[in-house]
C-alpha atoms as a PDB file:
ATOM      1  CA  MET A   1      48.542 106.363  45.181  1.00  0.00           C
ATOM      2  CA  VAL A   2      47.102 105.225  48.619  1.00  0.00           C
ATOM      3  CA  VAL A   3      43.910 102.908  49.199  1.00  0.00           C
ATOM      4  CA  LYS A   4      42.300 103.440  52.452  1.00  0.00           C
ATOM      5  CA  THR A   5      40.946 100.528  54.777  1.00  0.00           C
ATOM      6  CA  ASN A   6      37.410 100.361  56.142  1.00  0.00           C
ATOM      7  CA  GLU A   7      38.764 101.969  59.052  1.00  0.00           C
ATOM      8  CA  GLU A   8      40.376 104.637  57.301  1.00  0.00           C
ATOM      9  CA  VAL A   9      37.743 105.756  55.006  1.00  0.00           C
ATOM     10  CA  GLU A  10      35.378 106.315  58.575  1.00  0.00           C
ATOM     11  CA  ARG A  11      38.088 108.566  59.709  1.00  0.00           C
ATOM     12  CA  LEU A  12      37.579 110.479  56.993  1.00  0.00           C
ATOM     13  CA  LYS A  13      34.600 110.446  56.653  1.00  0.00           C
ATOM     14  CA  GLU A  14      33.978 111.885  59.949  1.00  0.00           C
ATOM     15  CA  ASN A  15      36.217 115.074  59.072  1.00  0.00           C
ATOM     16  CA  ALA A  16      34.525 115.258  56.288  1.00  0.00           C
ATOM     17  CA  ILE A  17      31.418 115.426  57.934  1.00  0.00           C
ATOM     18  CA  ILE A  18      32.747 118.647  60.319  1.00  0.00           C
ATOM     19  CA  VAL A  19      33.845 120.478  56.907  1.00  0.00           C
ATOM     20  CA  SER A  20      30.519 120.124  55.706  1.00  0.00           C
ATOM     21  CA  LYS A  21      28.596 121.342  58.836  1.00  0.00           C
ATOM     22  CA  THR A  22      30.881 123.887  58.875  1.00  0.00           C
ATOM     23  CA  LEU A  23      30.129 125.550  55.210  1.00  0.00           C
ATOM     24  CA  ALA A  24      26.632 125.167  56.635  1.00  0.00           C
ATOM     25  CA  GLU A  25      27.329 127.263  59.611  1.00  0.00           C
ATOM     26  CA  VAL A  26      29.317 129.806  57.249  1.00  0.00           C
ATOM     27  CA  ALA A  27      26.249 129.936  55.499  1.00  0.00           C
ATOM     28  CA  LYS A  28      23.781 131.281  57.702  1.00  0.00           C
ATOM     29  CA  HIS A  29      26.153 134.165  58.407  1.00  0.00           C
ATOM     30  CA  ILE A  30      26.792 135.103  54.177  1.00  0.00           C
ATOM     31  CA  LYS A  31      25.193 138.193  53.546  1.00  0.00           C
ATOM     32  CA  PRO A  32      26.154 141.139  52.139  1.00  0.00           C
ATOM     33  CA  GLY A  33      27.891 143.776  54.736  1.00  0.00           C
ATOM     34  CA  VAL A  34      29.764 140.589  56.357  1.00  0.00           C
ATOM     35  CA  LYS A  35      33.542 141.186  56.663  1.00  0.00           C
ATOM     36  CA  THR A  36      35.386 137.774  55.214  1.00  0.00           C
ATOM     37  CA  ILE A  37      37.181 137.711  58.202  1.00  0.00           C
ATOM     38  CA  THR A  38      33.946 137.291  60.899  1.00  0.00           C
ATOM     39  CA  LEU A  39      33.200 134.119  58.805  1.00  0.00           C
ATOM     40  CA  ASP A  40      36.471 133.291  59.084  1.00  0.00           C
ATOM     41  CA  HIS A  41      36.211 133.688  62.871  1.00  0.00           C
ATOM     42  CA  ILE A  42      32.972 131.520  62.891  1.00  0.00           C
ATOM     43  CA  ALA A  43      34.523 128.189  61.035  1.00  0.00           C
ATOM     44  CA  GLU A  44      37.190 128.383  63.423  1.00  0.00           C
ATOM     45  CA  LYS A  45      35.298 128.274  66.418  1.00  0.00           C
ATOM     46  CA  PHE A  46      32.800 125.625  64.794  1.00  0.00           C
ATOM     47  CA  ILE A  47      35.621 122.953  64.033  1.00  0.00           C
ATOM     48  CA  ARG A  48      37.437 123.239  67.153  1.00  0.00           C
ATOM     49  CA  ALA A  49      34.134 122.828  69.189  1.00  0.00           C
ATOM     50  CA  GLU A  50      34.224 119.657  66.707  1.00  0.00           C
ATOM     51  CA  GLY A  51      37.265 118.455  68.233  1.00  0.00           C
ATOM     52  CA  ALA A  52      39.227 119.003  65.127  1.00  0.00           C
ATOM     53  CA  VAL A  53      41.357 121.906  63.895  1.00  0.00           C
ATOM     54  CA  SER A  54      42.016 123.494  61.377  1.00  0.00           C
ATOM     55  CA  ALA A  55      43.356 122.099  57.898  1.00  0.00           C
ATOM     56  CA  PHE A  56      44.651 125.270  56.204  1.00  0.00           C
ATOM     57  CA  LYS A  57      45.612 127.351  59.268  1.00  0.00           C
ATOM     58  CA  GLY A  58      49.448 127.749  59.092  1.00  0.00           C
ATOM     59  CA  TYR A  59      49.682 125.776  56.062  1.00  0.00           C
ATOM     60  CA  ARG A  60      52.515 126.385  54.148  1.00  0.00           C
ATOM     61  CA  GLY A  61      51.651 129.633  56.350  1.00  0.00           C
ATOM     62  CA  PHE A  62      48.381 130.414  54.894  1.00  0.00           C
ATOM     63  CA  PRO A  63      46.898 132.813  58.148  1.00  0.00           C
ATOM     64  CA  GLY A  64      43.028 131.689  57.332  1.00  0.00           C
ATOM     65  CA  THR A  65      40.885 128.829  58.994  1.00  0.00           C
ATOM     66  CA  LEU A  66      39.200 128.912  55.214  1.00  0.00           C
ATOM     67  CA  CYS A  67      40.381 130.010  51.847  1.00  0.00           C
ATOM     68  CA  ILE A  68      37.109 132.816  51.227  1.00  0.00           C
ATOM     69  CA  SER A  69      37.392 133.924  47.544  1.00  0.00           C
ATOM     70  CA  ILE A  70      35.040 136.513  45.757  1.00  0.00           C
ATOM     71  CA  ASN A  71      34.323 136.968  42.335  1.00  0.00           C
ATOM     72  CA  GLU A  72      37.130 136.729  39.852  1.00  0.00           C
ATOM     73  CA  GLU A  73      39.451 135.068  43.060  1.00  0.00           C
ATOM     74  CA  VAL A  74      39.515 131.292  41.763  1.00  0.00           C
ATOM     75  CA  VAL A  75      40.688 130.122  45.064  1.00  0.00           C
ATOM     76  CA  HIS A  76      43.196 130.385  48.006  1.00  0.00           C
ATOM     77  CA  GLY A  77      41.413 134.191  48.828  1.00  0.00           C
ATOM     78  CA  ILE A  78      42.724 135.285  52.470  1.00  0.00           C
ATOM     79  CA  PRO A  79      40.132 136.006  54.674  1.00  0.00           C
ATOM     80  CA  GLY A  80      40.263 139.839  55.978  1.00  0.00           C
ATOM     81  CA  GLU A  81      38.479 143.042  56.349  1.00  0.00           C
ATOM     82  CA  ARG A  82      36.757 143.221  52.305  1.00  0.00           C
ATOM     83  CA  VAL A  83      33.059 142.929  53.190  1.00  0.00           C
ATOM     84  CA  LEU A  84      30.472 140.979  50.798  1.00  0.00           C
ATOM     85  CA  THR A  85      28.647 143.261  48.641  1.00  0.00           C
ATOM     86  CA  ASN A  86      25.249 142.553  46.952  1.00  0.00           C
ATOM     87  CA  GLY A  87      25.615 140.754  43.722  1.00  0.00           C
ATOM     88  CA  ASP A  88      29.083 138.429  44.582  1.00  0.00           C
ATOM     89  CA  VAL A  89      29.470 135.040  44.739  1.00  0.00           C
ATOM     90  CA  VAL A  90      32.072 133.611  47.365  1.00  0.00           C
ATOM     91  CA  SER A  91      33.933 130.015  47.219  1.00  0.00           C
ATOM     92  CA  ILE A  92      34.272 128.857  50.648  1.00  0.00           C
ATOM     93  CA  ASP A  93      36.642 126.067  50.977  1.00  0.00           C
ATOM     94  CA  CYS A  94      37.037 124.643  54.585  1.00  0.00           C
ATOM     95  CA  GLY A  95      39.545 122.050  55.361  1.00  0.00           C
ATOM     96  CA  CYS A  96      39.762 119.968  58.838  1.00  0.00           C
ATOM     97  CA  LEU A  97      42.491 117.294  60.922  1.00  0.00           C
ATOM     98  CA  LYS A  98      40.978 115.039  63.262  1.00  0.00           C
ATOM     99  CA  HIS A  99      42.489 111.631  64.779  1.00  0.00           C
ATOM    100  CA  GLY A 100      45.136 112.191  62.322  1.00  0.00           C
ATOM    101  CA  PHE A 101      43.228 112.583  59.047  1.00  0.00           C
ATOM    102  CA  TYR A 102      41.955 115.292  56.766  1.00  0.00           C
ATOM    103  CA  GLY A 103      38.810 116.473  55.584  1.00  0.00           C
ATOM    104  CA  ASP A 104      38.199 119.064  52.693  1.00  0.00           C
ATOM    105  CA  SER A 105      35.228 120.760  50.810  1.00  0.00           C
ATOM    106  CA  ALA A 106      34.242 123.803  48.988  1.00  0.00           C
ATOM    107  CA  TYR A 107      30.821 125.847  48.012  1.00  0.00           C
ATOM    108  CA  THR A 108      30.992 128.809  45.863  1.00  0.00           C
ATOM    109  CA  PHE A 109      27.745 130.642  47.890  1.00  0.00           C
ATOM    110  CA  PRO A 110      25.398 133.625  45.934  1.00  0.00           C
ATOM    111  CA  VAL A 111      25.372 137.184  47.814  1.00  0.00           C
ATOM    112  CA  GLY A 112      22.065 138.627  47.778  1.00  0.00           C
ATOM    113  CA  GLU A 113      21.031 139.143  43.883  1.00  0.00           C
ATOM    114  CA  VAL A 114      23.092 137.702  41.288  1.00  0.00           C
ATOM    115  CA  LYS A 115      23.244 138.085  37.901  1.00  0.00           C
ATOM    116  CA  PRO A 116      21.322 135.146  35.826  1.00  0.00           C
ATOM    117  CA  ASP A 117      24.445 134.416  34.068  1.00  0.00           C
ATOM    118  CA  VAL A 118      26.722 134.490  37.212  1.00  0.00           C
ATOM    119  CA  MET A 119      24.262 132.093  38.758  1.00  0.00           C
ATOM    120  CA  ASP A 120      24.206 129.946  35.638  1.00  0.00           C
ATOM    121  CA  LEU A 121      28.328 129.386  36.345  1.00  0.00           C
ATOM    122  CA  LEU A 122      27.478 128.386  39.761  1.00  0.00           C
ATOM    123  CA  LYS A 123      24.753 125.903  38.970  1.00  0.00           C
ATOM    124  CA  ARG A 124      26.858 124.503  35.670  1.00  0.00           C
ATOM    125  CA  THR A 125      30.205 124.392  37.977  1.00  0.00           C
ATOM    126  CA  LYS A 126      28.230 122.473  40.576  1.00  0.00           C
ATOM    127  CA  GLU A 127      26.510 120.009  37.881  1.00  0.00           C
ATOM    128  CA  SER A 128      29.920 119.316  36.405  1.00  0.00           C
ATOM    129  CA  LEU A 129      31.233 117.712  39.933  1.00  0.00           C
ATOM    130  CA  PHE A 130      28.346 115.652  39.921  1.00  0.00           C
ATOM    131  CA  ARG A 131      28.951 114.270  36.450  1.00  0.00           C
ATOM    132  CA  ALA A 132      32.358 113.623  37.222  1.00  0.00           C
ATOM    133  CA  LEU A 133      30.833 111.317  40.619  1.00  0.00           C
ATOM    134  CA  ASP A 134      29.103 109.319  37.800  1.00  0.00           C
ATOM    135  CA  VAL A 135      32.472 107.761  36.200  1.00  0.00           C
ATOM    136  CA  ALA A 136      34.647 107.919  39.511  1.00  0.00           C
ATOM    137  CA  LEU A 137      34.672 104.060  39.405  1.00  0.00           C
ATOM    138  CA  ALA A 138      36.968 101.329  39.825  1.00  0.00           C
ATOM    139  CA  GLY A 139      38.345 100.278  36.827  1.00  0.00           C
ATOM    140  CA  LYS A 140      37.987 103.764  35.531  1.00  0.00           C
ATOM    141  CA  ARG A 141      40.407 106.447  34.902  1.00  0.00           C
ATOM    142  CA  VAL A 142      41.168 110.166  35.895  1.00  0.00           C
ATOM    143  CA  GLY A 143      40.970 111.105  32.553  1.00  0.00           C
ATOM    144  CA  ASP A 144      37.159 110.112  32.956  1.00  0.00           C
ATOM    145  CA  ILE A 145      37.108 112.241  35.689  1.00  0.00           C
ATOM    146  CA  SER A 146      38.588 115.211  33.782  1.00  0.00           C
ATOM    147  CA  SER A 147      37.064 115.063  30.348  1.00  0.00           C
ATOM    148  CA  ALA A 148      33.627 114.905  32.221  1.00  0.00           C
ATOM    149  CA  VAL A 149      34.237 118.152  33.822  1.00  0.00           C
ATOM    150  CA  GLN A 150      35.914 119.494  31.147  1.00  0.00           C
ATOM    151  CA  ASP A 151      33.250 118.942  27.625  1.00  0.00           C
ATOM    152  CA  TYR A 152      30.255 119.457  30.274  1.00  0.00           C
ATOM    153  CA  VAL A 153      31.406 123.550  31.400  1.00  0.00           C
ATOM    154  CA  GLU A 154      32.842 124.244  27.437  1.00  0.00           C
ATOM    155  CA  SER A 155      29.734 123.238  26.020  1.00  0.00           C
ATOM    156  CA  PHE A 156      28.383 126.352  27.623  1.00  0.00           C
ATOM    157  CA  GLY A 157      31.822 128.329  26.626  1.00  0.00           C
ATOM    158  CA  TYR A 158      33.374 128.468  30.071  1.00  0.00           C
ATOM    159  CA  SER A 159      37.298 127.472  30.619  1.00  0.00           C
ATOM    160  CA  VAL A 160      38.935 125.026  32.873  1.00  0.00           C
ATOM    161  CA  VAL A 161      41.813 126.086  35.607  1.00  0.00           C
ATOM    162  CA  ARG A 162      44.784 124.307  34.341  1.00  0.00           C
ATOM    163  CA  GLU A 163      47.248 124.820  37.071  1.00  0.00           C
ATOM    164  CA  LEU A 164      44.960 124.247  39.785  1.00  0.00           C
ATOM    165  CA  VAL A 165      43.736 120.692  40.354  1.00  0.00           C
ATOM    166  CA  GLY A 166      41.920 117.705  42.681  1.00  0.00           C
ATOM    167  CA  HIS A 167      43.770 115.529  44.785  1.00  0.00           C
ATOM    168  CA  GLY A 168      43.983 112.608  47.147  1.00  0.00           C
ATOM    169  CA  LEU A 169      42.920 112.819  50.600  1.00  0.00           C
ATOM    170  CA  GLY A 170      44.414 111.022  53.741  1.00  0.00           C
ATOM    171  CA  LYS A 171      46.544 111.137  56.324  1.00  0.00           C
ATOM    172  CA  GLN A 172      48.126 114.424  54.237  1.00  0.00           C
ATOM    173  CA  LEU A 173      45.909 117.069  52.648  1.00  0.00           C
ATOM    174  CA  HIS A 174      47.231 116.196  49.045  1.00  0.00           C
ATOM    175  CA  GLU A 175      47.777 113.144  48.199  1.00  0.00           C
ATOM    176  CA  LYS A 176      48.421 111.405  44.668  1.00  0.00           C
ATOM    177  CA  PRO A 177      46.779 111.004  42.312  1.00  0.00           C
ATOM    178  CA  ASP A 178      45.878 114.869  41.053  1.00  0.00           C
ATOM    179  CA  ILE A 179      42.864 115.084  40.013  1.00  0.00           C
ATOM    180  CA  PRO A 180      42.848 117.481  36.822  1.00  0.00           C
ATOM    181  CA  ASN A 181      39.379 119.489  35.696  1.00  0.00           C
ATOM    182  CA  TYR A 182      40.384 118.718  32.338  1.00  0.00           C
ATOM    183  CA  GLY A 183      41.866 115.998  30.081  1.00  0.00           C
ATOM    184  CA  ARG A 184      41.115 112.567  27.809  1.00  0.00           C
ATOM    185  CA  GLN A 185      38.517 110.007  29.042  1.00  0.00           C
ATOM    186  CA  GLY A 186      40.664 106.848  29.521  1.00  0.00           C
ATOM    187  CA  SER A 187      43.634 108.739  29.846  1.00  0.00           C
ATOM    188  CA  GLY A 188      45.736 109.198  33.542  1.00  0.00           C
ATOM    189  CA  SER A 189      45.944 106.256  36.795  1.00  0.00           C
ATOM    190  CA  LYS A 190      43.923 103.711  37.257  1.00  0.00           C
ATOM    191  CA  LEU A 191      41.002 104.207  39.611  1.00  0.00           C
ATOM    192  CA  HIS A 192      40.962 101.663  42.543  1.00  0.00           C
ATOM    193  CA  ASP A 193      38.413 100.603  44.904  1.00  0.00           C
ATOM    194  CA  GLY A 194      39.451 102.490  48.457  1.00  0.00           C
ATOM    195  CA  LEU A 195      41.065 105.487  46.722  1.00  0.00           C
ATOM    196  CA  VAL A 196      40.065 108.923  48.487  1.00  0.00           C
ATOM    197  CA  ILE A 197      40.056 111.678  46.196  1.00  0.00           C
ATOM    198  CA  CYS A 198      38.533 115.048  45.911  1.00  0.00           C
ATOM    199  CA  ILE A 199      37.015 116.836  42.985  1.00  0.00           C
ATOM    200  CA  GLU A 200      36.713 120.047  42.771  1.00  0.00           C
ATOM    201  CA  PRO A 201      36.177 121.631  39.450  1.00  0.00           C
ATOM    202  CA  MET A 202      37.132 125.784  39.445  1.00  0.00           C
ATOM    203  CA  ILE A 203      35.156 127.069  36.318  1.00  0.00           C
ATOM    204  CA  ASN A 204      36.043 130.473  34.663  1.00  0.00           C
ATOM    205  CA  MET A 205      33.137 132.409  32.702  1.00  0.00           C
ATOM    206  CA  GLY A 206      35.951 133.784  30.967  1.00  0.00           C
ATOM    207  CA  THR A 207      39.561 133.093  29.917  1.00  0.00           C
ATOM    208  CA  LYS A 208      41.595 129.860  31.822  1.00  0.00           C
ATOM    209  CA  ASN A 209      44.210 132.416  32.550  1.00  0.00           C
ATOM    210  CA  VAL A 210      44.977 132.882  36.219  1.00  0.00           C
ATOM    211  CA  VAL A 211      47.605 135.292  37.996  1.00  0.00           C
ATOM    212  CA  GLN A 212      48.327 134.812  41.624  1.00  0.00           C
ATOM    213  CA  ALA A 213      47.630 137.537  43.521  1.00  0.00           C
ATOM    214  CA  ALA A 214      50.943 139.477  45.431  1.00  0.00           C
ATOM    215  CA  ASP A 215      49.919 138.238  48.969  1.00  0.00           C
ATOM    216  CA  GLY A 216      51.436 135.055  47.576  1.00  0.00           C
ATOM    217  CA  TRP A 217      47.861 133.130  47.435  1.00  0.00           C
ATOM    218  CA  THR A 218      45.161 134.486  45.730  1.00  0.00           C
ATOM    219  CA  ILE A 219      44.950 133.243  42.662  1.00  0.00           C
ATOM    220  CA  TRP A 220      42.755 135.494  40.251  1.00  0.00           C
ATOM    221  CA  THR A 221      41.131 135.179  36.726  1.00  0.00           C
ATOM    222  CA  ALA A 222      43.407 137.511  34.311  1.00  0.00           C
ATOM    223  CA  ASP A 223      40.310 138.773  33.006  1.00  0.00           C
ATOM    224  CA  LYS A 224      38.985 139.768  36.185  1.00  0.00           C
ATOM    225  CA  GLN A 225      35.920 137.876  34.962  1.00  0.00           C
ATOM    226  CA  PRO A 226      34.134 135.350  37.783  1.00  0.00           C
ATOM    227  CA  SER A 227      35.064 132.156  38.561  1.00  0.00           C
ATOM    228  CA  ALA A 228      32.935 129.213  40.878  1.00  0.00           C
ATOM    229  CA  HIS A 229      34.499 126.165  42.695  1.00  0.00           C
ATOM    230  CA  PHE A 230      32.143 122.990  44.413  1.00  0.00           C
ATOM    231  CA  GLU A 231      34.729 120.086  46.240  1.00  0.00           C
ATOM    232  CA  LEU A 232      33.160 117.078  46.983  1.00  0.00           C
ATOM    233  CA  THR A 233      35.417 113.953  48.892  1.00  0.00           C
ATOM    234  CA  ILE A 234      34.878 110.512  47.301  1.00  0.00           C
ATOM    235  CA  VAL A 235      36.129 106.922  47.924  1.00  0.00           C
ATOM    236  CA  VAL A 236      36.038 105.416  44.525  1.00  0.00           C
ATOM    237  CA  ARG A 237      34.233 101.916  44.778  1.00  0.00           C
ATOM    238  CA  LYS A 238      33.070  99.455  41.583  1.00  0.00           C
ATOM    239  CA  GLU A 239      29.745 100.686  40.995  1.00  0.00           C
ATOM    240  CA  VAL A 240      29.069 103.665  42.618  1.00  0.00           C
ATOM    241  CA  PRO A 241      31.511 106.185  44.922  1.00  0.00           C
ATOM    242  CA  ASP A 242      31.153 106.763  48.435  1.00  0.00           C
ATOM    243  CA  VAL A 243      30.316 110.023  48.923  1.00  0.00           C
ATOM    244  CA  LEU A 244      31.896 111.123  52.007  1.00  0.00           C
ATOM    245  CA  SER A 245      31.273 115.112  52.570  1.00  0.00           C
ATOM    246  CA  THR A 246      27.907 116.725  51.204  1.00  0.00           C
ATOM    247  CA  PHE A 247      26.232 119.804  50.135  1.00  0.00           C
ATOM    248  CA  SER A 248      23.108 118.956  51.720  1.00  0.00           C
ATOM    249  CA  PHE A 249      23.713 120.903  55.196  1.00  0.00           C
ATOM    250  CA  ILE A 250      24.459 123.468  52.939  1.00  0.00           C
ATOM    251  CA  GLU A 251      21.451 123.252  50.997  1.00  0.00           C
ATOM    252  CA  GLU A 252      19.125 122.779  54.036  1.00  0.00           C
ATOM    253  CA  VAL A 253      20.420 126.280  55.470  1.00  0.00           C
ATOM    254  CA  LEU A 254      20.170 127.994  51.636  1.00  0.00           C
ATOM    255  CA  GLY A 255      16.728 126.517  51.410  1.00  0.00           C
ATOM    256  CA  PRO A 256      15.010 128.102  47.852  1.00  0.00           C
ATOM    257  CA  ASN A 257      18.843 130.306  47.513  1.00  0.00           C
ATOM    258  CA  LYS A 258      20.704 127.083  46.909  1.00  0.00           C
ATOM    259  CA  ILE A 259      22.566 126.926  43.617  1.00  0.00           C
END
């Protein structure tokens, strides 16, 4: 667990804004009929124009700039020839690297007209993230974040993915500590001022169980019910966290269709 200096936080914030703006640029093109590889190319071009490179492309052999996961795909979907259709929901996870530091953020988008119960899943998953932010304070523990997510989403009958968690962020894409979306209040590592973490609820409408696709990357829900995923990067502080990435650029694009 590495506490960041103010200078390092500024580097991380620069990257956080790049990924936030990249997701907003991609959001302009999300509609029925669009191939996921098209969205990936848009993101790569935008990231490079910002003087950064993709954090994901080539990471352990991953072929895309974005992780694009549709409907029952939880995370780590590979961009390709698949076409978005009306009623889909699509989780887009974006990472970048600039000046030796990383950025990481994710948002789940509706495509056209989405069923009300699926929209509720998206809204409540996003809300669970903001509830976690409220307790991501110096002196609290990782379990306080975890339980804030779990208690909220399970109250609606949803389930929390166990195999995939949030994480620290800095000069590495994944640093300690792990930030599970399930756990007990008051448990786990203590949070320190200056710790930079990514909180990213991955919430399923049905079972918590997941399976890995034959491509070696894509994670599916075992019962093929929809999943939602939202992620922000924050700095733990004493009174209120410093939120480095933002959904504001995305939601300017989405307008009345924002989650």
